[in-house]
Amino acid sequence: PVLFEAPLAAGLLGAFVQAISGGALYRKSSFLLD
């Protein structure tokens, strides 16, 4: 198991935001398409 300290956990949230942002989605460059 891995515990990300809160400042680094915010980075995980940021990665999620990047993956469901329009630029990544319409270019089909996201692991969270559709």
Full PDB file with SEQRES, HELIX, SHEET, SSBOND, CRYST1, ORIGX, SCALE, CONECT and MASTER records, all heavy atoms in Angstrom:
SEQRES   1 A   34  PRO VAL LEU PHE GLU ALA PRO LEU ALA ALA GLY LEU LEU          
SEQRES   2 A   34  GLY ALA PHE VAL GLN ALA ILE SER GLY GLY ALA LEU TYR          
SEQRES   3 A   34  ARG LYS SER SER PHE LEU LEU ASP                              
HELIX    1 AA1 ALA A    6  ALA A   19  1                                  14    
HELIX    2 AA2 GLY A   22  TYR A   26  1                                   5    
CRYST1    1.000    1.000    1.000  90.00  90.00  90.00 P 1           1          
ORIGX1      1.000000  0.000000  0.000000        0.00000                         
ORIGX2      0.000000  1.000000  0.000000        0.00000                         
ORIGX3      0.000000  0.000000  1.000000        0.00000                         
SCALE1      1.000000  0.000000  0.000000        0.00000                         
SCALE2      0.000000  1.000000  0.000000        0.00000                         
SCALE3      0.000000  0.000000  1.000000        0.00000                         
ATOM      1  N   PRO A   1       0.844  -1.197   0.000  1.00  0.00           N  
ATOM      2  CA  PRO A   1       0.000   0.000   0.000  1.00  0.00           C  
ATOM      3  C   PRO A   1       0.882   1.250   0.000  1.00  0.00           C  
ATOM      4  O   PRO A   1       1.985   1.245   0.559  1.00  0.00           O  
ATOM      5  CB  PRO A   1      -0.788  -0.121   1.308  1.00  0.00           C  
ATOM      6  CG  PRO A   1      -0.648  -1.541   1.733  1.00  0.00           C  
ATOM      7  CD  PRO A   1       0.662  -2.011   1.215  1.00  0.00           C  
ATOM      8  N   VAL A   2       0.376   2.307  -0.604  1.00  0.00           N  
ATOM      9  CA  VAL A   2       1.119   3.572  -0.670  1.00  0.00           C  
ATOM     10  C   VAL A   2       0.206   4.704  -0.222  1.00  0.00           C  
ATOM     11  O   VAL A   2      -0.907   4.851  -0.721  1.00  0.00           O  
ATOM     12  CB  VAL A   2       1.643   3.837  -2.097  1.00  0.00           C  
ATOM     13  CG1 VAL A   2       2.291   5.225  -2.187  1.00  0.00           C  
ATOM     14  CG2 VAL A   2       2.654   2.765  -2.505  1.00  0.00           C  
ATOM     15  N   LEU A   3       0.707   5.511   0.720  1.00  0.00           N  
ATOM     16  CA  LEU A   3      -0.010   6.685   1.202  1.00  0.00           C  
ATOM     17  C   LEU A   3       0.672   7.932   0.658  1.00  0.00           C  
ATOM     18  O   LEU A   3       1.837   8.181   0.957  1.00  0.00           O  
ATOM     19  CB  LEU A   3      -0.017   6.711   2.732  1.00  0.00           C  
ATOM     20  CG  LEU A   3      -0.698   7.916   3.392  1.00  0.00           C  
ATOM     21  CD1 LEU A   3      -2.183   7.948   3.063  1.00  0.00           C  
ATOM     22  CD2 LEU A   3      -0.483   7.893   4.909  1.00  0.00           C  
ATOM     23  N   PHE A   4      -0.054   8.693  -0.157  1.00  0.00           N  
ATOM     24  CA  PHE A   4       0.460   9.948  -0.696  1.00  0.00           C  
ATOM     25  C   PHE A   4       0.143  11.073   0.296  1.00  0.00           C  
ATOM     26  O   PHE A   4      -1.023  11.306   0.619  1.00  0.00           O  
ATOM     27  CB  PHE A   4      -0.184  10.270  -2.046  1.00  0.00           C  
ATOM     28  CG  PHE A   4       0.293   9.423  -3.184  1.00  0.00           C  
ATOM     29  CD1 PHE A   4      -0.203   8.137  -3.368  1.00  0.00           C  
ATOM     30  CD2 PHE A   4       1.244   9.897  -4.077  1.00  0.00           C  
ATOM     31  CE1 PHE A   4       0.232   7.349  -4.421  1.00  0.00           C  
ATOM     32  CE2 PHE A   4       1.685   9.123  -5.137  1.00  0.00           C  
ATOM     33  CZ  PHE A   4       1.181   7.844  -5.309  1.00  0.00           C  
ATOM     34  N   GLU A   5       1.192  11.750   0.779  1.00  0.00           N  
ATOM     35  CA  GLU A   5       0.984  12.914   1.639  1.00  0.00           C  
ATOM     36  C   GLU A   5       0.105  13.925   0.907  1.00  0.00           C  
ATOM     37  O   GLU A   5       0.120  14.013  -0.315  1.00  0.00           O  
ATOM     38  CB  GLU A   5       2.337  13.534   1.988  1.00  0.00           C  
ATOM     39  CG  GLU A   5       2.274  14.593   3.061  1.00  0.00           C  
ATOM     40  CD  GLU A   5       3.618  15.232   3.327  1.00  0.00           C  
ATOM     41  OE1 GLU A   5       4.461  15.280   2.408  1.00  0.00           O  
ATOM     42  OE2 GLU A   5       3.828  15.708   4.456  1.00  0.00           O  
ATOM     43  N   ALA A   6      -0.661  14.716   1.660  1.00  0.00           N  
ATOM     44  CA  ALA A   6      -1.676  15.592   1.066  1.00  0.00           C  
ATOM     45  C   ALA A   6      -1.172  16.461  -0.096  1.00  0.00           C  
ATOM     46  O   ALA A   6      -1.854  16.546  -1.122  1.00  0.00           O  
ATOM     47  CB  ALA A   6      -2.316  16.460   2.143  1.00  0.00           C  
ATOM     48  N   PRO A   7      -0.008  17.123   0.011  1.00  0.00           N  
ATOM     49  CA  PRO A   7       0.431  17.934  -1.142  1.00  0.00           C  
ATOM     50  C   PRO A   7       0.631  17.110  -2.411  1.00  0.00           C  
ATOM     51  O   PRO A   7       0.382  17.597  -3.520  1.00  0.00           O  
ATOM     52  CB  PRO A   7       1.761  18.540  -0.658  1.00  0.00           C  
ATOM     53  CG  PRO A   7       1.659  18.532   0.827  1.00  0.00           C  
ATOM     54  CD  PRO A   7       0.893  17.290   1.168  1.00  0.00           C  
ATOM     55  N   LEU A   8       1.072  15.874  -2.265  1.00  0.00           N  
ATOM     56  CA  LEU A   8       1.261  15.008  -3.431  1.00  0.00           C  
ATOM     57  C   LEU A   8      -0.073  14.422  -3.898  1.00  0.00           C  
ATOM     58  O   LEU A   8      -0.266  14.174  -5.088  1.00  0.00           O  
ATOM     59  CB  LEU A   8       2.239  13.880  -3.104  1.00  0.00           C  
ATOM     60  CG  LEU A   8       3.603  14.307  -2.567  1.00  0.00           C  
ATOM     61  CD1 LEU A   8       4.508  13.093  -2.406  1.00  0.00           C  
ATOM     62  CD2 LEU A   8       4.261  15.334  -3.480  1.00  0.00           C  
ATOM     63  N   ALA A   9      -0.978  14.216  -2.962  1.00  0.00           N  
ATOM     64  CA  ALA A   9      -2.314  13.736  -3.326  1.00  0.00           C  
ATOM     65  C   ALA A   9      -3.012  14.736  -4.233  1.00  0.00           C  
ATOM     66  O   ALA A   9      -3.770  14.362  -5.133  1.00  0.00           O  
ATOM     67  CB  ALA A   9      -3.140  13.486  -2.065  1.00  0.00           C  
ATOM     68  N   ALA A  10      -2.756  16.035  -4.014  1.00  0.00           N  
ATOM     69  CA  ALA A  10      -3.323  17.054  -4.901  1.00  0.00           C  
ATOM     70  C   ALA A  10      -2.833  16.848  -6.335  1.00  0.00           C  
ATOM     71  O   ALA A  10      -3.547  17.154  -7.295  1.00  0.00           O  
ATOM     72  CB  ALA A  10      -2.948  18.447  -4.409  1.00  0.00           C  
ATOM     73  N   GLY A  11      -1.626  16.312  -6.484  1.00  0.00           N  
ATOM     74  CA  GLY A  11      -1.107  15.995  -7.815  1.00  0.00           C  
ATOM     75  C   GLY A  11      -1.862  14.864  -8.478  1.00  0.00           C  
ATOM     76  O   GLY A  11      -2.052  14.862  -9.702  1.00  0.00           O  
ATOM     77  N   LEU A  12      -2.317  13.885  -7.698  1.00  0.00           N  
ATOM     78  CA  LEU A  12      -3.141  12.810  -8.255  1.00  0.00           C  
ATOM     79  C   LEU A  12      -4.467  13.365  -8.771  1.00  0.00           C  
ATOM     80  O   LEU A  12      -4.954  12.976  -9.839  1.00  0.00           O  
ATOM     81  CB  LEU A  12      -3.400  11.741  -7.200  1.00  0.00           C  
ATOM     82  CG  LEU A  12      -2.203  10.939  -6.693  1.00  0.00           C  
ATOM     83  CD1 LEU A  12      -2.649   9.940  -5.640  1.00  0.00           C  
ATOM     84  CD2 LEU A  12      -1.488  10.231  -7.843  1.00  0.00           C  
ATOM     85  N   LEU A  13      -5.053  14.283  -7.992  1.00  0.00           N  
ATOM     86  CA  LEU A  13      -6.281  14.936  -8.448  1.00  0.00           C  
ATOM     87  C   LEU A  13      -6.016  15.723  -9.724  1.00  0.00           C  
ATOM     88  O   LEU A  13      -6.837  15.714 -10.655  1.00  0.00           O  
ATOM     89  CB  LEU A  13      -6.816  15.849  -7.349  1.00  0.00           C  
ATOM     90  CG  LEU A  13      -8.078  16.658  -7.654  1.00  0.00           C  
ATOM     91  CD1 LEU A  13      -9.211  15.761  -8.115  1.00  0.00           C  
ATOM     92  CD2 LEU A  13      -8.493  17.479  -6.441  1.00  0.00           C  
ATOM     93  N   GLY A  14      -4.860  16.384  -9.790  1.00  0.00           N  
ATOM     94  CA  GLY A  14      -4.505  17.122 -10.997  1.00  0.00           C  
ATOM     95  C   GLY A  14      -4.359  16.217 -12.210  1.00  0.00           C  
ATOM     96  O   GLY A  14      -4.743  16.589 -13.323  1.00  0.00           O  
ATOM     97  N   ALA A  15      -3.819  15.024 -12.022  1.00  0.00           N  
ATOM     98  CA  ALA A  15      -3.683  14.070 -13.134  1.00  0.00           C  
ATOM     99  C   ALA A  15      -5.055  13.634 -13.641  1.00  0.00           C  
ATOM    100  O   ALA A  15      -5.271  13.486 -14.849  1.00  0.00           O  
ATOM    101  CB  ALA A  15      -2.870  12.860 -12.681  1.00  0.00           C  
ATOM    102  N   PHE A  16      -5.996  13.442 -12.720  1.00  0.00           N  
ATOM    103  CA  PHE A  16      -7.357  13.100 -13.115  1.00  0.00           C  
ATOM    104  C   PHE A  16      -7.977  14.237 -13.939  1.00  0.00           C  
ATOM    105  O   PHE A  16      -8.613  14.000 -14.970  1.00  0.00           O  
ATOM    106  CB  PHE A  16      -8.199  12.812 -11.874  1.00  0.00           C  
ATOM    107  CG  PHE A  16      -9.677  12.797 -12.123  1.00  0.00           C  
ATOM    108  CD1 PHE A  16     -10.256  11.770 -12.846  1.00  0.00           C  
ATOM    109  CD2 PHE A  16     -10.488  13.816 -11.640  1.00  0.00           C  
ATOM    110  CE1 PHE A  16     -11.627  11.758 -13.085  1.00  0.00           C  
ATOM    111  CE2 PHE A  16     -11.845  13.814 -11.875  1.00  0.00           C  
ATOM    112  CZ  PHE A  16     -12.421  12.780 -12.599  1.00  0.00           C  
ATOM    113  N   VAL A  17      -7.782  15.479 -13.484  1.00  0.00           N  
ATOM    114  CA  VAL A  17      -8.327  16.632 -14.208  1.00  0.00           C  
ATOM    115  C   VAL A  17      -7.750  16.694 -15.616  1.00  0.00           C  
ATOM    116  O   VAL A  17      -8.481  16.914 -16.596  1.00  0.00           O  
ATOM    117  CB  VAL A  17      -8.017  17.941 -13.445  1.00  0.00           C  
ATOM    118  CG1 VAL A  17      -8.386  19.155 -14.292  1.00  0.00           C  
ATOM    119  CG2 VAL A  17      -8.765  17.968 -12.125  1.00  0.00           C  
ATOM    120  N   GLN A  18      -6.449  16.486 -15.728  1.00  0.00           N  
ATOM    121  CA  GLN A  18      -5.818  16.501 -17.049  1.00  0.00           C  
ATOM    122  C   GLN A  18      -6.432  15.436 -17.960  1.00  0.00           C  
ATOM    123  O   GLN A  18      -6.682  15.670 -19.148  1.00  0.00           O  
ATOM    124  CB  GLN A  18      -4.319  16.248 -16.901  1.00  0.00           C  
ATOM    125  CG  GLN A  18      -3.553  15.986 -18.191  1.00  0.00           C  
ATOM    126  CD  GLN A  18      -3.481  17.196 -19.103  1.00  0.00           C  
ATOM    127  OE1 GLN A  18      -3.648  18.324 -18.640  1.00  0.00           O  
ATOM    128  NE2 GLN A  18      -3.233  16.969 -20.374  1.00  0.00           N  
ATOM    129  N   ALA A  19      -6.709  14.274 -17.414  1.00  0.00           N  
ATOM    130  CA  ALA A  19      -7.221  13.161 -18.213  1.00  0.00           C  
ATOM    131  C   ALA A  19      -8.644  13.391 -18.701  1.00  0.00           C  
ATOM    132  O   ALA A  19      -9.046  12.834 -19.731  1.00  0.00           O  
ATOM    133  CB  ALA A  19      -7.143  11.865 -17.414  1.00  0.00           C  
ATOM    134  N   ILE A  20      -9.436  14.210 -17.977  1.00  0.00           N  
ATOM    135  CA  ILE A  20     -10.811  14.455 -18.434  1.00  0.00           C  
ATOM    136  C   ILE A  20     -10.983  15.901 -18.922  1.00  0.00           C  
ATOM    137  O   ILE A  20     -12.099  16.421 -18.942  1.00  0.00           O  
ATOM    138  CB  ILE A  20     -11.862  14.118 -17.352  1.00  0.00           C  
ATOM    139  CG1 ILE A  20     -11.711  14.999 -16.116  1.00  0.00           C  
ATOM    140  CG2 ILE A  20     -11.804  12.649 -16.987  1.00  0.00           C  
ATOM    141  CD1 ILE A  20     -12.932  14.931 -15.204  1.00  0.00           C  
ATOM    142  N   SER A  21      -9.882  16.521 -19.324  1.00  0.00           N  
ATOM    143  CA  SER A  21      -9.950  17.853 -19.917  1.00  0.00           C  
ATOM    144  C   SER A  21     -10.144  17.744 -21.422  1.00  0.00           C  
ATOM    145  O   SER A  21      -9.685  16.775 -22.058  1.00  0.00           O  
ATOM    146  CB  SER A  21      -8.683  18.644 -19.604  1.00  0.00           C  
ATOM    147  OG  SER A  21      -8.638  18.978 -18.222  1.00  0.00           O  
ATOM    148  N   GLY A  22     -10.829  18.736 -21.977  1.00  0.00           N  
ATOM    149  CA  GLY A  22     -11.247  18.672 -23.370  1.00  0.00           C  
ATOM    150  C   GLY A  22     -10.135  18.435 -24.364  1.00  0.00           C  
ATOM    151  O   GLY A  22     -10.283  17.658 -25.316  1.00  0.00           O  
ATOM    152  N   GLY A  23      -8.973  19.100 -24.167  1.00  0.00           N  
ATOM    153  CA  GLY A  23      -7.877  18.943 -25.114  1.00  0.00           C  
ATOM    154  C   GLY A  23      -7.410  17.506 -25.227  1.00  0.00           C  
ATOM    155  O   GLY A  23      -7.173  16.993 -26.318  1.00  0.00           O  
ATOM    156  N   ALA A  24      -7.268  16.830 -24.090  1.00  0.00           N  
ATOM    157  CA  ALA A  24      -6.843  15.430 -24.103  1.00  0.00           C  
ATOM    158  C   ALA A  24      -7.928  14.536 -24.670  1.00  0.00           C  
ATOM    159  O   ALA A  24      -7.642  13.556 -25.381  1.00  0.00           O  
ATOM    160  CB  ALA A  24      -6.475  14.990 -22.685  1.00  0.00           C  
ATOM    161  N   LEU A  25      -9.183  14.870 -24.403  1.00  0.00           N  
ATOM    162  CA  LEU A  25     -10.282  14.010 -24.842  1.00  0.00           C  
ATOM    163  C   LEU A  25     -10.499  14.081 -26.354  1.00  0.00           C  
ATOM    164  O   LEU A  25     -10.634  13.051 -27.014  1.00  0.00           O  
ATOM    165  CB  LEU A  25     -11.565  14.383 -24.105  1.00  0.00           C  
ATOM    166  CG  LEU A  25     -11.555  14.121 -22.590  1.00  0.00           C  
ATOM    167  CD1 LEU A  25     -12.799  14.696 -21.941  1.00  0.00           C  
ATOM    168  CD2 LEU A  25     -11.446  12.624 -22.299  1.00  0.00           C  
ATOM    169  N   TYR A  26     -10.542  15.298 -26.912  1.00  0.00           N  
ATOM    170  CA  TYR A  26     -10.832  15.347 -28.346  1.00  0.00           C  
ATOM    171  C   TYR A  26      -9.639  14.889 -29.188  1.00  0.00           C  
ATOM    172  O   TYR A  26      -9.810  14.433 -30.328  1.00  0.00           O  
ATOM    173  CB  TYR A  26     -11.348  16.724 -28.764  1.00  0.00           C  
ATOM    174  CG  TYR A  26     -10.331  17.772 -29.158  1.00  0.00           C  
ATOM    175  CD1 TYR A  26      -9.681  17.727 -30.397  1.00  0.00           C  
ATOM    176  CD2 TYR A  26     -10.044  18.842 -28.312  1.00  0.00           C  
ATOM    177  CE1 TYR A  26      -8.767  18.703 -30.762  1.00  0.00           C  
ATOM    178  CE2 TYR A  26      -9.139  19.815 -28.672  1.00  0.00           C  
ATOM    179  CZ  TYR A  26      -8.495  19.743 -29.902  1.00  0.00           C  
ATOM    180  OH  TYR A  26      -7.601  20.708 -30.261  1.00  0.00           O  
ATOM    181  N   ARG A  27      -8.440  14.987 -28.623  1.00  0.00           N  
ATOM    182  CA  ARG A  27      -7.255  14.452 -29.324  1.00  0.00           C  
ATOM    183  C   ARG A  27      -7.089  12.953 -29.094  1.00  0.00           C  
ATOM    184  O   ARG A  27      -6.178  12.339 -29.624  1.00  0.00           O  
ATOM    185  CB  ARG A  27      -6.002  15.180 -28.847  1.00  0.00           C  
ATOM    186  CG  ARG A  27      -5.948  16.656 -29.214  1.00  0.00           C  
ATOM    187  CD  ARG A  27      -4.606  17.258 -28.819  1.00  0.00           C  
ATOM    188  NE  ARG A  27      -4.536  18.666 -29.125  1.00  0.00           N  
ATOM    189  CZ  ARG A  27      -4.787  19.648 -28.248  1.00  0.00           C  
ATOM    190  NH1 ARG A  27      -5.117  19.340 -26.990  1.00  0.00           N  
ATOM    191  NH2 ARG A  27      -4.709  20.912 -28.597  1.00  0.00           N  
ATOM    192  N   LYS A  28      -7.947  12.392 -28.246  1.00  0.00           N  
ATOM    193  CA  LYS A  28      -7.904  10.968 -27.890  1.00  0.00           C  
ATOM    194  C   LYS A  28      -6.546  10.589 -27.295  1.00  0.00           C  
ATOM    195  O   LYS A  28      -5.965   9.540 -27.610  1.00  0.00           O  
ATOM    196  CB  LYS A  28      -8.243  10.087 -29.096  1.00  0.00           C  
ATOM    197  CG  LYS A  28      -9.630  10.352 -29.651  1.00  0.00           C  
ATOM    198  CD  LYS A  28     -10.046   9.330 -30.671  1.00  0.00           C  
ATOM    199  CE  LYS A  28     -11.434   9.632 -31.228  1.00  0.00           C  
ATOM    200  NZ  LYS A  28     -12.485   9.663 -30.179  1.00  0.00           N  
ATOM    201  N   SER A  29      -6.052  11.479 -26.424  1.00  0.00           N  
ATOM    202  CA  SER A  29      -4.764  11.250 -25.764  1.00  0.00           C  
ATOM    203  C   SER A  29      -4.953  11.136 -24.258  1.00  0.00           C  
ATOM    204  O   SER A  29      -4.157  11.652 -23.481  1.00  0.00           O  
ATOM    205  CB  SER A  29      -3.790  12.389 -26.095  1.00  0.00           C  
ATOM    206  OG  SER A  29      -4.312  13.645 -25.689  1.00  0.00           O  
ATOM    207  N   SER A  30      -6.020  10.447 -23.856  1.00  0.00           N  
ATOM    208  CA  SER A  30      -6.324  10.293 -22.447  1.00  0.00           C  
ATOM    209  C   SER A  30      -6.669   8.855 -22.123  1.00  0.00           C  
ATOM    210  O   SER A  30      -7.312   8.165 -22.926  1.00  0.00           O  
ATOM    211  CB  SER A  30      -7.507  11.193 -22.051  1.00  0.00           C  
ATOM    212  OG  SER A  30      -7.973  10.876 -20.758  1.00  0.00           O  
ATOM    213  N   PHE A  31      -6.262   8.420 -20.941  1.00  0.00           N  
ATOM    214  CA  PHE A  31      -6.620   7.070 -20.489  1.00  0.00           C  
ATOM    215  C   PHE A  31      -8.048   7.012 -19.962  1.00  0.00           C  
ATOM    216  O   PHE A  31      -8.537   5.945 -19.584  1.00  0.00           O  
ATOM    217  CB  PHE A  31      -5.638   6.583 -19.416  1.00  0.00           C  
ATOM    218  CG  PHE A  31      -5.648   7.384 -18.142  1.00  0.00           C  
ATOM    219  CD1 PHE A  31      -6.474   7.027 -17.081  1.00  0.00           C  
ATOM    220  CD2 PHE A  31      -4.823   8.492 -17.991  1.00  0.00           C  
ATOM    221  CE1 PHE A  31      -6.481   7.758 -15.905  1.00  0.00           C  
ATOM    222  CE2 PHE A  31      -4.820   9.228 -16.821  1.00  0.00           C  
ATOM    223  CZ  PHE A  31      -5.651   8.866 -15.776  1.00  0.00           C  
ATOM    224  N   LEU A  32      -8.741   8.158 -19.949  1.00  0.00           N  
ATOM    225  CA  LEU A  32     -10.131   8.199 -19.486  1.00  0.00           C  
ATOM    226  C   LEU A  32     -11.085   8.653 -20.584  1.00  0.00           C  
ATOM    227  O   LEU A  32     -12.053   9.377 -20.328  1.00  0.00           O  
ATOM    228  CB  LEU A  32     -10.251   9.118 -18.263  1.00  0.00           C  
ATOM    229  CG  LEU A  32      -9.607   8.613 -16.967  1.00  0.00           C  
ATOM    230  CD1 LEU A  32      -9.780   9.628 -15.850  1.00  0.00           C  
ATOM    231  CD2 LEU A  32     -10.182   7.263 -16.555  1.00  0.00           C  
ATOM    232  N   LEU A  33     -10.847   8.201 -21.817  1.00  0.00           N  
ATOM    233  CA  LEU A  33     -11.762   8.508 -22.915  1.00  0.00           C  
ATOM    234  C   LEU A  33     -13.153   7.949 -22.618  1.00  0.00           C  
ATOM    235  O   LEU A  33     -13.297   6.861 -22.041  1.00  0.00           O  
ATOM    236  CB  LEU A  33     -11.237   7.910 -24.221  1.00  0.00           C  
ATOM    237  CG  LEU A  33      -9.968   8.527 -24.826  1.00  0.00           C  
ATOM    238  CD1 LEU A  33      -9.543   7.735 -26.055  1.00  0.00           C  
ATOM    239  CD2 LEU A  33     -10.186   9.992 -25.172  1.00  0.00           C  
ATOM    240  N   ASP A  34     -14.171   8.725 -23.010  1.00  0.00           N  
ATOM    241  CA  ASP A  34     -15.562   8.271 -22.876  1.00  0.00           C  
ATOM    242  C   ASP A  34     -15.903   7.856 -21.436  1.00  0.00           C  
ATOM    243  O   ASP A  34     -16.633   6.889 -21.208  1.00  0.00           O  
ATOM    244  CB  ASP A  34     -15.835   7.095 -23.832  1.00  0.00           C  
ATOM    245  CG  ASP A  34     -15.559   7.453 -25.276  1.00  0.00           C  
ATOM    246  OD1 ASP A  34     -15.920   8.568 -25.689  1.00  0.00           O  
ATOM    247  OD2 ASP A  34     -14.964   6.620 -25.985  1.00  0.00           O  
TER     248      ASP A  34                                                      
MASTER        0    0    0    2    0    0    0    6  247    1    0    3          
END                                                                             
